[in-house]
Structure formats: structure tokens, C-alpha cells
PDB file of N, CA and C in Angstrom:
ATOM      1  N   MET A   1      99.014  83.099 103.556  1.00  0.00           N
ATOM      2  CA  MET A   1      98.442  82.575 103.043  1.00  0.00           C
ATOM      3  C   MET A   1      98.282  81.132 101.314  1.00  0.00           C
ATOM      4  N   SER A   2      97.875  80.526 101.641  1.00  0.00           N
ATOM      5  CA  SER A   2      97.665  80.250 100.557  1.00  0.00           C
ATOM      6  C   SER A   2      98.273  80.090  98.782  1.00  0.00           C
ATOM      7  N   ALA A   3      98.543  79.423  98.539  1.00  0.00           N
ATOM      8  CA  ALA A   3      98.393  79.578  96.220  1.00  0.00           C
ATOM      9  C   ALA A   3      96.987  79.414  96.255  1.00  0.00           C
ATOM     10  N   ALA A   4      96.358  78.366  97.101  1.00  0.00           N
ATOM     11  CA  ALA A   4      95.331  78.237  96.443  1.00  0.00           C
ATOM     12  C   ALA A   4      93.674  79.426  96.257  1.00  0.00           C
ATOM     13  N   VAL A   5      94.382  80.324  97.660  1.00  0.00           N
ATOM     14  CA  VAL A   5      93.733  81.159  97.910  1.00  0.00           C
ATOM     15  C   VAL A   5      94.230  82.767  96.710  1.00  0.00           C
ATOM     16  N   LEU A   6      95.609  83.162  96.292  1.00  0.00           N
ATOM     17  CA  LEU A   6      95.040  83.617  95.338  1.00  0.00           C
ATOM     18  C   LEU A   6      95.333  83.662  94.153  1.00  0.00           C
ATOM     19  N   ASP A   7      95.317  81.768  94.210  1.00  0.00           N
ATOM     20  CA  ASP A   7      94.666  81.729  92.611  1.00  0.00           C
ATOM     21  C   ASP A   7      92.991  82.318  92.155  1.00  0.00           C
ATOM     22  N   ARG A   8      92.022  81.580  93.059  1.00  0.00           N
ATOM     23  CA  ARG A   8      90.928  82.541  93.014  1.00  0.00           C
ATOM     24  C   ARG A   8      90.098  84.588  92.545  1.00  0.00           C
ATOM     25  N   PRO A   9      89.327  84.230  91.512  1.00  0.00           N
ATOM     26  CA  PRO A   9      89.640  85.865  91.561  1.00  0.00           C
ATOM     27  C   PRO A   9      88.814  86.375  92.797  1.00  0.00           C
ATOM     28  N   PRO A  10      88.611  88.106  92.996  1.00  0.00           N
ATOM     29  CA  PRO A  10      88.237  88.129  94.460  1.00  0.00           C
ATOM     30  C   PRO A  10      86.918  88.344  94.579  1.00  0.00           C
ATOM     31  N   ALA A  11      86.198  88.360  95.602  1.00  0.00           N
ATOM     32  CA  ALA A  11      84.426  88.181  95.750  1.00  0.00           C
ATOM     33  C   ALA A  11      84.041  89.127  95.616  1.00  0.00           C
ATOM     34  N   ARG A  12      83.245  90.107  94.956  1.00  0.00           N
ATOM     35  CA  ARG A  12      82.536  90.957  94.722  1.00  0.00           C
ATOM     36  C   ARG A  12      81.517  91.020  95.237  1.00  0.00           C
ATOM     37  N   GLU A  13      80.225  92.248  95.776  1.00  0.00           N
ATOM     38  CA  GLU A  13      79.538  92.445  96.073  1.00  0.00           C
ATOM     39  C   GLU A  13      78.471  93.229  95.420  1.00  0.00           C
ATOM     40  N   ALA A  14      77.554  93.060  95.377  1.00  0.00           N
ATOM     41  CA  ALA A  14      76.588  93.620  94.465  1.00  0.00           C
ATOM     42  C   ALA A  14      76.993  95.142  95.072  1.00  0.00           C
ATOM     43  N   GLY A  15      76.420  96.382  94.198  1.00  0.00           N
ATOM     44  CA  GLY A  15      76.373  97.797  94.661  1.00  0.00           C
ATOM     45  C   GLY A  15      77.683  97.631  95.833  1.00  0.00           C
ATOM     46  N   ARG A  16      79.264  97.659  96.006  1.00  0.00           N
ATOM     47  CA  ARG A  16      79.996  97.700  96.339  1.00  0.00           C
ATOM     48  C   ARG A  16      81.212  98.342  94.940  1.00  0.00           C
ATOM     49  N   ALA A  17      82.127  98.989  95.405  1.00  0.00           N
ATOM     50  CA  ALA A  17      83.117  99.513  95.185  1.00  0.00           C
ATOM     51  C   ALA A  17      84.203  98.513  95.234  1.00  0.00           C
ATOM     52  N   THR A  18      85.137  97.922  93.969  1.00  0.00           N
ATOM     53  CA  THR A  18      86.366  97.647  94.200  1.00  0.00           C
ATOM     54  C   THR A  18      87.403  98.386  93.166  1.00  0.00           C
ATOM     55  N   LEU A  19      87.857  97.619  93.763  1.00  0.00           N
ATOM     56  CA  LEU A  19      89.335  98.319  93.757  1.00  0.00           C
ATOM     57  C   LEU A  19      89.933  98.395  92.155  1.00  0.00           C
ATOM     58  N   GLU A  20      89.750  97.342  91.359  1.00  0.00           N
ATOM     59  CA  GLU A  20      89.818  97.076  89.696  1.00  0.00           C
ATOM     60  C   GLU A  20      88.632  97.860  89.097  1.00  0.00           C
ATOM     61  N   GLY A  21      87.331  97.933  89.651  1.00  0.00           N
ATOM     62  CA  GLY A  21      86.264  98.895  88.754  1.00  0.00           C
ATOM     63  C   GLY A  21      87.255 100.144  89.444  1.00  0.00           C
ATOM     64  N   ALA A  22      87.480 100.220  90.466  1.00  0.00           N
ATOM     65  CA  ALA A  22      88.259 101.513  90.563  1.00  0.00           C
ATOM     66  C   ALA A  22      89.489 102.648  89.547  1.00  0.00           C
ATOM     67  N   ILE A  23      90.066 101.937  89.515  1.00  0.00           N
ATOM     68  CA  ILE A  23      91.169 101.429  88.736  1.00  0.00           C
ATOM     69  C   ILE A  23      90.892 101.842  87.037  1.00  0.00           C
ATOM     70  N   VAL A  24      89.637 100.214  86.518  1.00  0.00           N
ATOM     71  CA  VAL A  24      88.983 101.041  85.622  1.00  0.00           C
ATOM     72  C   VAL A  24      88.480 102.013  84.773  1.00  0.00           C
ATOM     73  N   ARG A  25      87.909 102.874  86.376  1.00  0.00           N
ATOM     74  CA  ARG A  25      86.892 104.022  86.151  1.00  0.00           C
ATOM     75  C   ARG A  25      87.949 104.771  85.593  1.00  0.00           C
ATOM     76  N   ALA A  26      89.545 105.215  86.003  1.00  0.00           N
ATOM     77  CA  ALA A  26      90.570 106.035  86.671  1.00  0.00           C
ATOM     78  C   ALA A  26      91.246 106.055  84.599  1.00  0.00           C
ATOM     79  N   TRP A  27      91.197 104.939  84.816  1.00  0.00           N
ATOM     80  CA  TRP A  27      92.309 104.822  83.251  1.00  0.00           C
ATOM     81  C   TRP A  27      91.089 105.388  81.601  1.00  0.00           C
ATOM     82  N   GLU A  28      89.511 104.111  82.143  1.00  0.00           N
ATOM     83  CA  GLU A  28      88.692 104.893  81.254  1.00  0.00           C
ATOM     84  C   GLU A  28      88.798 106.430  81.030  1.00  0.00           C
ATOM     85  N   GLY A  29      88.942 107.287  81.657  1.00  0.00           N
ATOM     86  CA  GLY A  29      89.093 108.674  81.991  1.00  0.00           C
ATOM     87  C   GLY A  29      90.252 108.724  81.610  1.00  0.00           C
ATOM     88  N   LEU A  30      91.202 108.583  81.376  1.00  0.00           N
ATOM     89  CA  LEU A  30      92.858 109.305  81.543  1.00  0.00           C
ATOM     90  C   LEU A  30      92.639 109.702  79.410  1.00  0.00           C
ATOM     91  N   THR A  31      92.080 107.351  78.893  1.00  0.00           N
ATOM     92  CA  THR A  31      92.914 107.218  77.872  1.00  0.00           C
ATOM     93  C   THR A  31      91.333 108.008  76.638  1.00  0.00           C
ATOM     94  N   ALA A  32      90.345 108.563  78.098  1.00  0.00           N
ATOM     95  CA  ALA A  32      89.580 109.426  77.319  1.00  0.00           C
ATOM     96  C   ALA A  32      90.046 111.062  77.233  1.00  0.00           C
ATOM     97  N   HIS A  33      91.585 111.240  77.802  1.00  0.00           N
ATOM     98  CA  HIS A  33      92.036 112.523  78.055  1.00  0.00           C
ATOM     99  C   HIS A  33      91.331 113.564  78.493  1.00  0.00           C
ATOM    100  N   HIS A  34      90.757 113.302  79.916  1.00  0.00           N
ATOM    101  CA  HIS A  34      89.821 113.635  80.517  1.00  0.00           C
ATOM    102  C   HIS A  34      90.574 113.491  81.537  1.00  0.00           C
ATOM    103  N   GLY A  35      90.623 114.158  82.823  1.00  0.00           N
ATOM    104  CA  GLY A  35      91.163 114.492  84.484  1.00  0.00           C
ATOM    105  C   GLY A  35      90.185 113.468  85.147  1.00  0.00           C
ATOM    106  N   VAL A  36      91.628 112.798  86.072  1.00  0.00           N
ATOM    107  CA  VAL A  36      90.498 111.468  86.774  1.00  0.00           C
ATOM    108  C   VAL A  36      91.218 112.355  88.619  1.00  0.00           C
ATOM    109  N   SER A  37      90.314 111.482  89.472  1.00  0.00           N
ATOM    110  CA  SER A  37      90.610 111.337  91.086  1.00  0.00           C
ATOM    111  C   SER A  37      91.172 111.098  90.870  1.00  0.00           C
ATOM    112  N   CYS A  38      92.445 110.620  91.604  1.00  0.00           N
ATOM    113  CA  CYS A  38      93.556 110.159  92.547  1.00  0.00           C
ATOM    114  C   CYS A  38      92.743 109.578  93.467  1.00  0.00           C
ATOM    115  N   LEU A  39      93.916 107.623  92.798  1.00  0.00           N
ATOM    116  CA  LEU A  39      93.229 106.886  93.870  1.00  0.00           C
ATOM    117  C   LEU A  39      93.598 106.596  95.324  1.00  0.00           C
ATOM    118  N   VAL A  40      95.404 107.136  95.126  1.00  0.00           N
ATOM    119  CA  VAL A  40      96.033 107.672  96.780  1.00  0.00           C
ATOM    120  C   VAL A  40      95.259 109.136  97.348  1.00  0.00           C
ATOM    121  N   CYS A  41      95.068 109.968  96.874  1.00  0.00           N
ATOM    122  CA  CYS A  41      95.297 111.239  97.559  1.00  0.00           C
ATOM    123  C   CYS A  41      93.672 111.237  97.662  1.00  0.00           C
ATOM    124  N   GLY A  42      93.031 111.675  96.198  1.00  0.00           N
ATOM    125  CA  GLY A  42      91.540 112.188  95.919  1.00  0.00           C
ATOM    126  C   GLY A  42      92.252 113.634  94.799  1.00  0.00           C
ATOM    127  N   GLY A  43      93.460 113.827  95.224  1.00  0.00           N
ATOM    128  CA  GLY A  43      94.034 114.777  94.024  1.00  0.00           C
ATOM    129  C   GLY A  43      92.966 115.483  92.674  1.00  0.00           C
ATOM    130  N   HIS A  44      94.081 115.631  91.664  1.00  0.00           N
ATOM    131  CA  HIS A  44      93.639 115.692  90.216  1.00  0.00           C
ATOM    132  C   HIS A  44      94.884 114.917  89.062  1.00  0.00           C
ATOM    133  N   MET A  45      94.563 114.099  88.831  1.00  0.00           N
ATOM    134  CA  MET A  45      95.442 112.790  88.389  1.00  0.00           C
ATOM    135  C   MET A  45      95.202 113.317  86.813  1.00  0.00           C
ATOM    136  N   ALA A  46      96.013 113.539  85.540  1.00  0.00           N
ATOM    137  CA  ALA A  46      95.604 114.270  84.569  1.00  0.00           C
ATOM    138  C   ALA A  46      96.768 112.754  83.514  1.00  0.00           C
ATOM    139  N   PRO A  47      96.226 113.303  81.685  1.00  0.00           N
ATOM    140  CA  PRO A  47      96.525 112.410  81.121  1.00  0.00           C
ATOM    141  C   PRO A  47      98.191 112.466  81.180  1.00  0.00           C
ATOM    142  N   ARG A  48      98.445 111.428  80.953  1.00  0.00           N
ATOM    143  CA  ARG A  48     100.734 111.449  80.546  1.00  0.00           C
ATOM    144  C   ARG A  48     100.292 110.833  79.354  1.00  0.00           C
ATOM    145  N   TYR A  49     101.418 111.281  77.885  1.00  0.00           N
ATOM    146  CA  TYR A  49     101.220 111.361  77.211  1.00  0.00           C
ATOM    147  C   TYR A  49     102.855 110.697  76.454  1.00  0.00           C
ATOM    148  N   GLY A  50     102.975 109.553  75.795  1.00  0.00           N
ATOM    149  CA  GLY A  50     103.548 109.192  75.374  1.00  0.00           C
ATOM    150  C   GLY A  50     104.589 110.243  74.667  1.00  0.00           C
ATOM    151  N   ALA A  51     105.959 109.171  73.406  1.00  0.00           N
ATOM    152  CA  ALA A  51     106.712 110.315  72.488  1.00  0.00           C
ATOM    153  C   ALA A  51     105.768 111.005  71.490  1.00  0.00           C
ATOM    154  N   SER A  52     104.391 109.408  71.378  1.00  0.00           N
ATOM    155  CA  SER A  52     103.666 110.494  70.033  1.00  0.00           C
ATOM    156  C   SER A  52     102.956 111.364  70.773  1.00  0.00           C
ATOM    157  N   GLY A  53     102.206 111.896  72.211  1.00  0.00           N
ATOM    158  CA  GLY A  53     101.434 112.678  72.217  1.00  0.00           C
ATOM    159  C   GLY A  53     100.443 112.657  71.563  1.00  0.00           C
ATOM    160  N   VAL A  54     100.357 111.465  71.109  1.00  0.00           N
ATOM    161  CA  VAL A  54      98.768 111.123  70.706  1.00  0.00           C
ATOM    162  C   VAL A  54      97.890 110.551  71.905  1.00  0.00           C
ATOM    163  N   ALA A  55      97.861 109.643  72.192  1.00  0.00           N
ATOM    164  CA  ALA A  55      97.115 108.781  73.001  1.00  0.00           C
ATOM    165  C   ALA A  55      97.776 109.122  74.881  1.00  0.00           C
ATOM    166  N   PRO A  56      97.120 108.642  75.166  1.00  0.00           N
ATOM    167  CA  PRO A  56      97.607 108.440  77.595  1.00  0.00           C
ATOM    168  C   PRO A  56      98.815 107.430  77.378  1.00  0.00           C
ATOM    169  N   VAL A  57      98.930 107.255  78.329  1.00  0.00           N
ATOM    170  CA  VAL A  57     100.050 105.902  78.563  1.00  0.00           C
ATOM    171  C   VAL A  57      99.736 106.126  79.607  1.00  0.00           C
ATOM    172  N   GLY A  58      99.525 107.073  80.217  1.00  0.00           N
ATOM    173  CA  GLY A  58      98.763 107.013  81.943  1.00  0.00           C
ATOM    174  C   GLY A  58      98.716 108.036  82.604  1.00  0.00           C
ATOM    175  N   GLY A  59      98.468 107.745  83.619  1.00  0.00           N
ATOM    176  CA  GLY A  59      97.966 109.893  84.857  1.00  0.00           C
ATOM    177  C   GLY A  59      98.991 109.817  85.256  1.00  0.00           C
ATOM    178  N   ARG A  60      99.516 110.883  86.204  1.00  0.00           N
ATOM    179  CA  ARG A  60     100.363 111.300  87.235  1.00  0.00           C
ATOM    180  C   ARG A  60      99.140 112.233  88.070  1.00  0.00           C
ATOM    181  N   CYS A  61      99.512 111.932  89.198  1.00  0.00           N
ATOM    182  CA  CYS A  61      98.205 113.166  90.179  1.00  0.00           C
ATOM    183  C   CYS A  61      99.466 114.123  90.872  1.00  0.00           C
ATOM    184  N   ALA A  62      99.077 115.754  90.340  1.00  0.00           N
ATOM    185  CA  ALA A  62      99.555 116.957  90.348  1.00  0.00           C
ATOM    186  C   ALA A  62      99.613 116.566  92.109  1.00  0.00           C
ATOM    187  N   ASP A  63      98.559 116.577  92.501  1.00  0.00           N
ATOM    188  CA  ASP A  63      98.654 116.717  94.802  1.00  0.00           C
ATOM    189  C   ASP A  63      99.918 115.774  95.170  1.00  0.00           C
ATOM    190  N   CYS A  64      99.922 114.354  95.093  1.00  0.00           N
ATOM    191  CA  CYS A  64     100.627 113.858  95.692  1.00  0.00           C
ATOM    192  C   CYS A  64     102.128 112.471  94.792  1.00  0.00           C
ATOM    193  N   GLY A  65     101.960 112.815  93.302  1.00  0.00           N
ATOM    194  CA  GLY A  65     103.219 112.389  92.375  1.00  0.00           C
ATOM    195  C   GLY A  65     102.750 110.550  91.583  1.00  0.00           C
ATOM    196  N   SER A  66     101.562 110.027  92.152  1.00  0.00           N
ATOM    197  CA  SER A  66     101.486 108.754  92.444  1.00  0.00           C
ATOM    198  C   SER A  66     100.502 108.553  90.545  1.00  0.00           C
ATOM    199  N   THR A  67     101.155 107.901  89.951  1.00  0.00           N
ATOM    200  CA  THR A  67     101.379 107.651  88.253  1.00  0.00           C
ATOM    201  C   THR A  67     100.733 106.087  88.789  1.00  0.00           C
ATOM    202  N   LEU A  68      99.618 106.485  87.370  1.00  0.00           N
ATOM    203  CA  LEU A  68      99.166 104.973  87.088  1.00  0.00           C
ATOM    204  C   LEU A  68      99.726 104.537  85.799  1.00  0.00           C
ATOM    205  N   GLY A  69      99.153 103.734  84.836  1.00  0.00           N
ATOM    206  CA  GLY A  69      99.733 103.230  83.547  1.00  0.00           C
ATOM    207  C   GLY A  69     101.280 102.517  83.487  1.00  0.00           C
TER     208      GLY A  69
END
């Protein structure tokens, strides 16, 4: 793949889900202290908290162990 192709933003089509959109929705749910569907297996991904314990720093799937954040 050429560098020119990599520099272009991904094509978006109306009404179609994008990976970026799925990640943004998952991150928004996690930062609102809600569980979300895992992007890998569809299982339950719960917020994961840092040392302060106040704000989520990501999420971890209870089913497959995938992390986001």
C-alpha cells in the first residue's frame, strides 16, 4: 500500500458503521461508568479504573480479556 493511501482519512458512507464510530461509542460508555459490548467478542466490557479510582482509564472484557484504553 502506498503512503498516499495511508495518509487519506477512511471513506465514510452514510448509514454505515465505522470502526472509529464503534470505538468512540464504547469509550463514551466506559467514561460514563457504564459497561459496553466488547468490540472483539460482543461480551461485557466494564470500565477499568486507574490509581485514583475516580475516572475510568479504559475497559476490560470479562469474556475474552480484550482491553480498550
